Amino acid sequence: MTIQPDWIDYNGHLNVAYYVKLFDQALDILFDRIGLSESYVRTRHMSFFALELHVRYLREVHLKDPVQVRIQILDVDEKRIHYWMELIHAGERWLSSTMESISMHIDMETRRSTPFPPDIMASLKDWHAMSAGRERPDGIGQVIGIRRKG
C-alpha cells in the first residue's frame, strides 16, 4: 500500500487516524482468513468489537511512502483475541508504528460477548500457533504516561 495525498495532515505526514485505518484494513484481511468475514457477521449474527488499543508512533511516513502491516496473534481465549501489529516502510524496512489491541467476540443479537464457535476457535488456534514461534515484540503492554526524571 502507498500513502495517499488525502491521508496527509497539516504537519506533512500521515495523519494519526490513517495509521489506525491501515492497521484496521490489515486486520480485516487476517480476520477474513480466520473466518471472521463480513459474511460471518451477516450469516451467524456474530462479530467482534475492539476493547482496547494502544498505538505508538515511532517514525513518520509521508506521501507516496510504501508501507505494509505485519500482524502477530499474541493470545486467544474463548472470547478474545490479543494481537500486535507493525506498520513497516516497505522499501526501507524500518518500523513506523505499532498497535496492540484486544478484540472481543460478540453476539450481535444480544450485543454481549459470546464464545467463538468451534470452527473459528480452531482457526484462531492455528493462526496463534503460527505466531507462537516469533519473538515477542518490544512494547507489548506498555503503560502510557509522562516519564519523570529523578
N, C-alpha and C. Protein backbone atom coordinates (compact mmCIF):
# COMPACT_ATOMS: atom_id res chain seq x y z
N MET A 1 0.84 -1.17 0.00
CA MET A 1 0.00 0.00 0.00
C MET A 1 0.89 1.24 0.00
N THR A 2 0.42 2.28 -0.65
CA THR A 2 1.16 3.54 -0.75
C THR A 2 0.36 4.65 -0.07
N ILE A 3 1.05 5.50 0.67
CA ILE A 3 0.41 6.60 1.39
C ILE A 3 -0.18 7.59 0.38
N GLN A 4 -1.47 7.89 0.54
CA GLN A 4 -2.24 8.71 -0.39
C GLN A 4 -2.28 10.18 0.05
N PRO A 5 -2.48 11.11 -0.91
CA PRO A 5 -2.48 12.54 -0.57
C PRO A 5 -3.51 12.94 0.49
N ASP A 6 -4.70 12.36 0.46
CA ASP A 6 -5.73 12.77 1.42
C ASP A 6 -5.51 12.19 2.82
N TRP A 7 -4.47 11.38 2.99
CA TRP A 7 -4.13 10.84 4.31
C TRP A 7 -3.11 11.72 5.04
N ILE A 8 -2.57 12.71 4.34
CA ILE A 8 -1.52 13.57 4.89
C ILE A 8 -2.17 14.75 5.63
N ASP A 9 -1.64 15.06 6.81
CA ASP A 9 -2.20 16.17 7.59
C ASP A 9 -1.38 17.44 7.39
N TYR A 10 -1.71 18.48 8.15
CA TYR A 10 -1.04 19.78 8.03
C TYR A 10 0.41 19.75 8.50
N ASN A 11 0.85 18.66 9.13
CA ASN A 11 2.25 18.51 9.51
C ASN A 11 3.08 17.87 8.40
N GLY A 12 2.43 17.50 7.31
CA GLY A 12 3.14 16.92 6.18
C GLY A 12 3.44 15.44 6.30
N HIS A 13 2.79 14.77 7.26
CA HIS A 13 2.98 13.33 7.41
C HIS A 13 1.63 12.63 7.55
N LEU A 14 1.67 11.31 7.60
CA LEU A 14 0.45 10.53 7.73
C LEU A 14 -0.30 10.93 8.99
N ASN A 15 -1.57 11.26 8.85
CA ASN A 15 -2.42 11.64 9.97
C ASN A 15 -2.64 10.44 10.89
N VAL A 16 -2.74 10.68 12.19
CA VAL A 16 -2.87 9.60 13.17
C VAL A 16 -4.04 8.67 12.88
N ALA A 17 -5.15 9.21 12.39
CA ALA A 17 -6.32 8.37 12.11
C ALA A 17 -6.03 7.34 11.03
N TYR A 18 -5.16 7.67 10.09
CA TYR A 18 -4.88 6.75 8.99
C TYR A 18 -3.95 5.61 9.41
N TYR A 19 -3.16 5.80 10.45
CA TYR A 19 -2.40 4.67 10.99
C TYR A 19 -3.39 3.60 11.45
N VAL A 20 -4.38 4.03 12.22
CA VAL A 20 -5.38 3.08 12.72
C VAL A 20 -6.16 2.48 11.56
N LYS A 21 -6.47 3.28 10.55
CA LYS A 21 -7.18 2.77 9.37
C LYS A 21 -6.36 1.69 8.66
N LEU A 22 -5.06 1.93 8.48
CA LEU A 22 -4.20 0.93 7.84
C LEU A 22 -4.14 -0.35 8.67
N PHE A 23 -4.00 -0.20 9.98
CA PHE A 23 -4.00 -1.38 10.85
C PHE A 23 -5.33 -2.12 10.75
N ASP A 24 -6.43 -1.39 10.76
CA ASP A 24 -7.75 -2.00 10.70
C ASP A 24 -7.97 -2.74 9.38
N GLN A 25 -7.52 -2.17 8.28
CA GLN A 25 -7.66 -2.84 6.98
C GLN A 25 -6.86 -4.14 6.95
N ALA A 26 -5.66 -4.11 7.50
CA ALA A 26 -4.84 -5.33 7.55
C ALA A 26 -5.50 -6.38 8.44
N LEU A 27 -6.06 -5.94 9.55
CA LEU A 27 -6.74 -6.86 10.46
C LEU A 27 -7.96 -7.50 9.79
N ASP A 28 -8.69 -6.72 8.99
CA ASP A 28 -9.82 -7.27 8.26
C ASP A 28 -9.38 -8.41 7.34
N ILE A 29 -8.23 -8.26 6.70
CA ILE A 29 -7.71 -9.31 5.81
C ILE A 29 -7.41 -10.57 6.62
N LEU A 30 -6.74 -10.40 7.77
CA LEU A 30 -6.45 -11.56 8.62
C LEU A 30 -7.73 -12.20 9.12
N PHE A 31 -8.65 -11.39 9.62
CA PHE A 31 -9.91 -11.93 10.14
C PHE A 31 -10.68 -12.68 9.05
N ASP A 32 -10.65 -12.18 7.82
CA ASP A 32 -11.28 -12.91 6.70
C ASP A 32 -10.66 -14.30 6.56
N ARG A 33 -9.35 -14.38 6.65
CA ARG A 33 -8.66 -15.67 6.52
C ARG A 33 -9.00 -16.61 7.67
N ILE A 34 -9.21 -16.05 8.84
CA ILE A 34 -9.58 -16.84 10.02
C ILE A 34 -11.01 -17.35 9.90
N GLY A 35 -11.83 -16.62 9.16
CA GLY A 35 -13.24 -16.97 9.02
C GLY A 35 -14.18 -15.94 9.61
N LEU A 36 -13.62 -14.86 10.12
CA LEU A 36 -14.41 -13.78 10.73
C LEU A 36 -14.67 -12.68 9.70
N SER A 37 -15.27 -13.06 8.60
CA SER A 37 -15.50 -12.14 7.48
C SER A 37 -16.82 -11.39 7.63
N GLU A 38 -17.08 -10.52 6.68
CA GLU A 38 -18.36 -9.80 6.66
C GLU A 38 -19.52 -10.78 6.52
N SER A 39 -19.33 -11.84 5.74
CA SER A 39 -20.41 -12.83 5.60
C SER A 39 -20.63 -13.60 6.91
N TYR A 40 -19.58 -13.79 7.70
CA TYR A 40 -19.71 -14.40 9.02
C TYR A 40 -20.65 -13.57 9.89
N VAL A 41 -20.45 -12.25 9.86
CA VAL A 41 -21.29 -11.35 10.64
C VAL A 41 -22.74 -11.43 10.17
N ARG A 42 -22.94 -11.42 8.85
CA ARG A 42 -24.30 -11.47 8.29
C ARG A 42 -24.99 -12.80 8.55
N THR A 43 -24.29 -13.91 8.35
CA THR A 43 -24.95 -15.22 8.42
C THR A 43 -25.05 -15.77 9.84
N ARG A 44 -24.04 -15.51 10.66
CA ARG A 44 -24.05 -16.07 12.02
C ARG A 44 -24.50 -15.06 13.07
N HIS A 45 -24.61 -13.81 12.66
CA HIS A 45 -25.05 -12.74 13.57
C HIS A 45 -24.10 -12.60 14.77
N MET A 46 -22.82 -12.77 14.47
CA MET A 46 -21.76 -12.57 15.46
C MET A 46 -20.69 -11.69 14.83
N SER A 47 -19.99 -10.96 15.67
CA SER A 47 -18.94 -10.08 15.18
C SER A 47 -17.86 -9.96 16.25
N PHE A 48 -17.07 -8.94 16.16
CA PHE A 48 -16.01 -8.70 17.13
C PHE A 48 -15.88 -7.20 17.30
N PHE A 49 -15.68 -6.78 18.54
CA PHE A 49 -15.53 -5.37 18.87
C PHE A 49 -14.15 -5.16 19.47
N ALA A 50 -13.54 -4.02 19.17
CA ALA A 50 -12.29 -3.64 19.81
C ALA A 50 -12.59 -3.26 21.26
N LEU A 51 -11.84 -3.83 22.19
CA LEU A 51 -11.97 -3.47 23.60
C LEU A 51 -10.97 -2.40 24.00
N GLU A 52 -9.77 -2.51 23.44
CA GLU A 52 -8.71 -1.58 23.81
C GLU A 52 -7.66 -1.61 22.72
N LEU A 53 -7.04 -0.46 22.49
CA LEU A 53 -5.89 -0.44 21.60
C LEU A 53 -4.91 0.62 22.05
N HIS A 54 -3.67 0.37 21.71
CA HIS A 54 -2.57 1.27 22.06
C HIS A 54 -1.70 1.42 20.82
N VAL A 55 -1.62 2.64 20.30
CA VAL A 55 -0.83 2.92 19.11
C VAL A 55 0.41 3.71 19.51
N ARG A 56 1.55 3.29 18.97
CA ARG A 56 2.80 4.04 19.16
C ARG A 56 3.25 4.55 17.79
N TYR A 57 3.60 5.82 17.74
CA TYR A 57 4.09 6.45 16.51
C TYR A 57 5.59 6.63 16.67
N LEU A 58 6.37 5.86 15.93
CA LEU A 58 7.81 5.80 16.13
C LEU A 58 8.61 6.58 15.09
N ARG A 59 8.10 6.61 13.86
CA ARG A 59 8.80 7.30 12.79
C ARG A 59 7.78 7.71 11.73
N GLU A 60 7.90 8.92 11.24
CA GLU A 60 6.94 9.45 10.28
C GLU A 60 6.97 8.70 8.95
N VAL A 61 5.79 8.57 8.35
CA VAL A 61 5.71 8.18 6.95
C VAL A 61 5.05 9.34 6.21
N HIS A 62 5.40 9.45 4.93
CA HIS A 62 5.00 10.61 4.13
C HIS A 62 4.31 10.17 2.84
N LEU A 63 3.84 11.15 2.12
CA LEU A 63 3.16 10.93 0.85
C LEU A 63 3.96 10.00 -0.06
N LYS A 64 3.29 9.02 -0.60
CA LYS A 64 3.82 8.04 -1.54
C LYS A 64 4.76 7.01 -0.92
N ASP A 65 4.98 7.06 0.40
CA ASP A 65 5.79 6.01 1.03
C ASP A 65 5.06 4.68 0.90
N PRO A 66 5.78 3.62 0.53
CA PRO A 66 5.16 2.29 0.51
C PRO A 66 5.19 1.69 1.91
N VAL A 67 4.07 1.14 2.35
CA VAL A 67 4.00 0.56 3.69
C VAL A 67 3.33 -0.81 3.64
N GLN A 68 3.60 -1.59 4.66
CA GLN A 68 2.91 -2.87 4.85
C GLN A 68 2.71 -3.08 6.34
N VAL A 69 1.76 -3.94 6.68
CA VAL A 69 1.45 -4.24 8.08
C VAL A 69 1.76 -5.70 8.35
N ARG A 70 2.46 -5.94 9.45
CA ARG A 70 2.68 -7.30 9.96
C ARG A 70 1.83 -7.49 11.20
N ILE A 71 1.24 -8.68 11.32
CA ILE A 71 0.36 -8.97 12.46
C ILE A 71 0.85 -10.21 13.17
N GLN A 72 0.82 -10.16 14.48
CA GLN A 72 1.16 -11.31 15.32
C GLN A 72 0.04 -11.51 16.33
N ILE A 73 -0.56 -12.69 16.34
CA ILE A 73 -1.56 -13.01 17.36
C ILE A 73 -0.82 -13.43 18.61
N LEU A 74 -0.97 -12.65 19.67
CA LEU A 74 -0.25 -12.89 20.92
C LEU A 74 -0.94 -13.91 21.80
N ASP A 75 -2.28 -13.89 21.81
CA ASP A 75 -3.02 -14.79 22.69
C ASP A 75 -4.47 -14.85 22.23
N VAL A 76 -5.12 -15.94 22.54
CA VAL A 76 -6.56 -16.10 22.31
C VAL A 76 -7.15 -16.83 23.50
N ASP A 77 -8.39 -16.53 23.81
CA ASP A 77 -9.14 -17.35 24.74
C ASP A 77 -10.52 -17.57 24.13
N GLU A 78 -11.47 -18.04 24.89
CA GLU A 78 -12.76 -18.43 24.32
C GLU A 78 -13.53 -17.27 23.69
N LYS A 79 -13.21 -16.02 24.07
CA LYS A 79 -13.96 -14.87 23.56
C LYS A 79 -13.09 -13.73 23.02
N ARG A 80 -11.78 -13.78 23.27
CA ARG A 80 -10.94 -12.62 22.96
C ARG A 80 -9.73 -12.99 22.11
N ILE A 81 -9.25 -11.98 21.37
CA ILE A 81 -8.02 -12.08 20.59
C ILE A 81 -7.13 -10.90 21.00
N HIS A 82 -5.89 -11.20 21.36
CA HIS A 82 -4.90 -10.18 21.70
C HIS A 82 -3.87 -10.20 20.58
N TYR A 83 -3.66 -9.07 19.91
CA TYR A 83 -2.76 -9.07 18.77
C TYR A 83 -1.90 -7.81 18.74
N TRP A 84 -0.83 -7.92 17.96
CA TRP A 84 0.18 -6.89 17.80
C TRP A 84 0.36 -6.64 16.31
N MET A 85 0.41 -5.37 15.92
CA MET A 85 0.62 -5.04 14.52
C MET A 85 1.74 -4.02 14.38
N GLU A 86 2.46 -4.13 13.29
CA GLU A 86 3.56 -3.21 13.00
C GLU A 86 3.37 -2.63 11.60
N LEU A 87 3.48 -1.31 11.48
CA LEU A 87 3.47 -0.65 10.19
C LEU A 87 4.93 -0.45 9.78
N ILE A 88 5.30 -1.08 8.68
CA ILE A 88 6.69 -1.11 8.21
C ILE A 88 6.79 -0.30 6.92
N HIS A 89 7.86 0.48 6.78
CA HIS A 89 8.14 1.11 5.49
C HIS A 89 8.58 -0.02 4.56
N ALA A 90 7.80 -0.27 3.53
CA ALA A 90 8.01 -1.45 2.68
C ALA A 90 9.30 -1.39 1.87
N GLY A 91 9.78 -0.20 1.55
CA GLY A 91 11.01 -0.09 0.77
C GLY A 91 12.26 -0.18 1.62
N GLU A 92 12.26 0.53 2.75
CA GLU A 92 13.47 0.62 3.58
C GLU A 92 13.44 -0.29 4.80
N ARG A 93 12.29 -0.92 5.08
CA ARG A 93 12.13 -1.93 6.12
C ARG A 93 12.24 -1.41 7.55
N TRP A 94 12.01 -0.13 7.80
CA TRP A 94 12.05 0.37 9.17
C TRP A 94 10.63 0.43 9.75
N LEU A 95 10.58 0.39 11.07
CA LEU A 95 9.32 0.37 11.80
C LEU A 95 8.80 1.79 12.00
N SER A 96 7.58 2.04 11.54
CA SER A 96 6.97 3.35 11.67
C SER A 96 6.05 3.44 12.88
N SER A 97 5.25 2.39 13.10
CA SER A 97 4.23 2.46 14.14
C SER A 97 3.87 1.05 14.60
N THR A 98 3.36 0.96 15.82
CA THR A 98 2.85 -0.32 16.32
C THR A 98 1.45 -0.10 16.90
N MET A 99 0.67 -1.16 16.88
CA MET A 99 -0.63 -1.12 17.54
C MET A 99 -0.86 -2.45 18.24
N GLU A 100 -1.15 -2.39 19.51
CA GLU A 100 -1.53 -3.56 20.30
C GLU A 100 -3.01 -3.43 20.60
N SER A 101 -3.74 -4.53 20.48
CA SER A 101 -5.18 -4.44 20.69
C SER A 101 -5.75 -5.76 21.18
N ILE A 102 -6.91 -5.66 21.80
CA ILE A 102 -7.71 -6.83 22.18
C ILE A 102 -9.10 -6.63 21.61
N SER A 103 -9.60 -7.67 20.93
CA SER A 103 -10.96 -7.67 20.40
C SER A 103 -11.77 -8.75 21.08
N MET A 104 -13.06 -8.49 21.23
CA MET A 104 -13.99 -9.42 21.88
C MET A 104 -14.99 -9.92 20.86
N HIS A 105 -15.30 -11.23 20.92
CA HIS A 105 -16.31 -11.84 20.05
C HIS A 105 -17.69 -11.50 20.63
N ILE A 106 -18.60 -11.06 19.75
CA ILE A 106 -19.89 -10.51 20.19
C ILE A 106 -21.05 -11.20 19.48
N ASP A 107 -22.08 -11.52 20.24
CA ASP A 107 -23.37 -11.96 19.69
C ASP A 107 -24.11 -10.68 19.31
N MET A 108 -24.37 -10.48 18.02
CA MET A 108 -24.96 -9.22 17.56
C MET A 108 -26.43 -9.07 17.95
N GLU A 109 -27.09 -10.15 18.29
CA GLU A 109 -28.49 -10.03 18.72
C GLU A 109 -28.60 -9.54 20.16
N THR A 110 -27.69 -10.00 21.02
CA THR A 110 -27.70 -9.56 22.42
C THR A 110 -26.72 -8.43 22.69
N ARG A 111 -25.76 -8.25 21.76
CA ARG A 111 -24.68 -7.27 21.89
C ARG A 111 -23.86 -7.54 23.15
N ARG A 112 -23.69 -8.81 23.44
CA ARG A 112 -22.89 -9.28 24.58
C ARG A 112 -21.81 -10.22 24.07
N SER A 113 -20.77 -10.37 24.87
CA SER A 113 -19.70 -11.29 24.49
C SER A 113 -20.23 -12.72 24.45
N THR A 114 -19.62 -13.50 23.57
CA THR A 114 -20.00 -14.90 23.41
C THR A 114 -18.78 -15.69 22.96
N PRO A 115 -18.67 -16.96 23.34
CA PRO A 115 -17.52 -17.76 22.89
C PRO A 115 -17.49 -17.91 21.37
N PHE A 116 -16.28 -18.05 20.85
CA PHE A 116 -16.11 -18.35 19.43
C PHE A 116 -16.70 -19.73 19.14
N PRO A 117 -17.33 -19.91 17.98
CA PRO A 117 -17.76 -21.25 17.58
C PRO A 117 -16.53 -22.15 17.39
N PRO A 118 -16.69 -23.47 17.50
CA PRO A 118 -15.55 -24.39 17.41
C PRO A 118 -14.70 -24.22 16.15
N ASP A 119 -15.32 -24.00 14.98
CA ASP A 119 -14.54 -23.87 13.75
C ASP A 119 -13.68 -22.61 13.77
N ILE A 120 -14.20 -21.53 14.31
CA ILE A 120 -13.43 -20.29 14.39
C ILE A 120 -12.33 -20.43 15.44
N MET A 121 -12.64 -21.06 16.56
CA MET A 121 -11.63 -21.26 17.60
C MET A 121 -10.48 -22.10 17.07
N ALA A 122 -10.78 -23.13 16.30
CA ALA A 122 -9.73 -23.97 15.71
C ALA A 122 -8.85 -23.14 14.78
N SER A 123 -9.47 -22.31 13.97
CA SER A 123 -8.71 -21.45 13.06
C SER A 123 -7.86 -20.45 13.84
N LEU A 124 -8.42 -19.85 14.88
CA LEU A 124 -7.66 -18.92 15.72
C LEU A 124 -6.45 -19.60 16.36
N LYS A 125 -6.65 -20.81 16.84
CA LYS A 125 -5.53 -21.55 17.45
C LYS A 125 -4.44 -21.83 16.43
N ASP A 126 -4.84 -22.15 15.20
CA ASP A 126 -3.84 -22.37 14.14
C ASP A 126 -3.05 -21.10 13.87
N TRP A 127 -3.74 -19.97 13.73
CA TRP A 127 -3.05 -18.71 13.48
C TRP A 127 -2.19 -18.30 14.67
N HIS A 128 -2.67 -18.54 15.87
CA HIS A 128 -1.88 -18.24 17.07
C HIS A 128 -0.62 -19.09 17.09
N ALA A 129 -0.74 -20.36 16.73
CA ALA A 129 0.42 -21.25 16.69
C ALA A 129 1.47 -20.75 15.69
N MET A 130 1.02 -20.20 14.57
CA MET A 130 1.96 -19.65 13.59
C MET A 130 2.72 -18.46 14.16
N SER A 131 2.09 -17.70 15.02
CA SER A 131 2.74 -16.54 15.64
C SER A 131 3.61 -16.94 16.83
N ALA A 132 3.34 -18.10 17.40
CA ALA A 132 4.00 -18.50 18.65
C ALA A 132 5.51 -18.61 18.53
N GLY A 133 6.02 -18.97 17.37
CA GLY A 133 7.46 -19.11 17.20
C GLY A 133 8.19 -17.80 17.02
N ARG A 134 7.45 -16.73 16.81
CA ARG A 134 8.08 -15.43 16.60
C ARG A 134 8.48 -14.79 17.93
N GLU A 135 9.50 -13.97 17.87
CA GLU A 135 9.96 -13.27 19.06
C GLU A 135 8.87 -12.30 19.54
N ARG A 136 8.70 -12.24 20.85
CA ARG A 136 7.70 -11.33 21.42
C ARG A 136 8.20 -9.89 21.24
N PRO A 137 7.41 -9.05 20.60
CA PRO A 137 7.86 -7.69 20.28
C PRO A 137 8.07 -6.82 21.52
N ASP A 138 9.02 -5.90 21.41
CA ASP A 138 9.20 -4.88 22.45
C ASP A 138 7.99 -3.95 22.42
N GLY A 139 7.55 -3.52 23.57
CA GLY A 139 6.46 -2.56 23.63
C GLY A 139 5.12 -3.13 24.02
N ILE A 140 5.01 -4.44 24.13
CA ILE A 140 3.73 -5.04 24.49
C ILE A 140 3.38 -4.67 25.93
N GLY A 141 2.14 -4.26 26.13
CA GLY A 141 1.64 -3.98 27.47
C GLY A 141 2.17 -2.72 28.11
N GLN A 142 2.72 -1.82 27.32
CA GLN A 142 3.25 -0.59 27.90
C GLN A 142 2.14 0.31 28.43
N VAL A 143 2.45 0.97 29.51
CA VAL A 143 1.53 1.92 30.12
C VAL A 143 1.87 3.31 29.59
N ILE A 144 0.84 4.09 29.30
CA ILE A 144 1.06 5.44 28.81
C ILE A 144 1.18 6.39 30.00
N GLY A 145 2.04 7.38 29.88
CA GLY A 145 2.21 8.37 30.94
C GLY A 145 3.42 9.23 30.66
N ILE A 146 3.56 10.29 31.42
CA ILE A 146 4.72 11.17 31.30
C ILE A 146 5.81 10.63 32.21
N ARG A 147 6.95 10.34 31.61
CA ARG A 147 8.07 9.82 32.41
C ARG A 147 8.81 10.99 33.05
N ARG A 148 8.93 10.93 34.35
CA ARG A 148 9.61 11.98 35.11
C ARG A 148 11.03 11.55 35.43
N LYS A 149 11.95 12.50 35.37
CA LYS A 149 13.34 12.23 35.73
C LYS A 149 13.50 12.43 37.23
N GLY A 150 14.41 11.65 37.79
CA GLY A 150 14.75 11.87 39.19
C GLY A 150 14.04 11.01 40.09
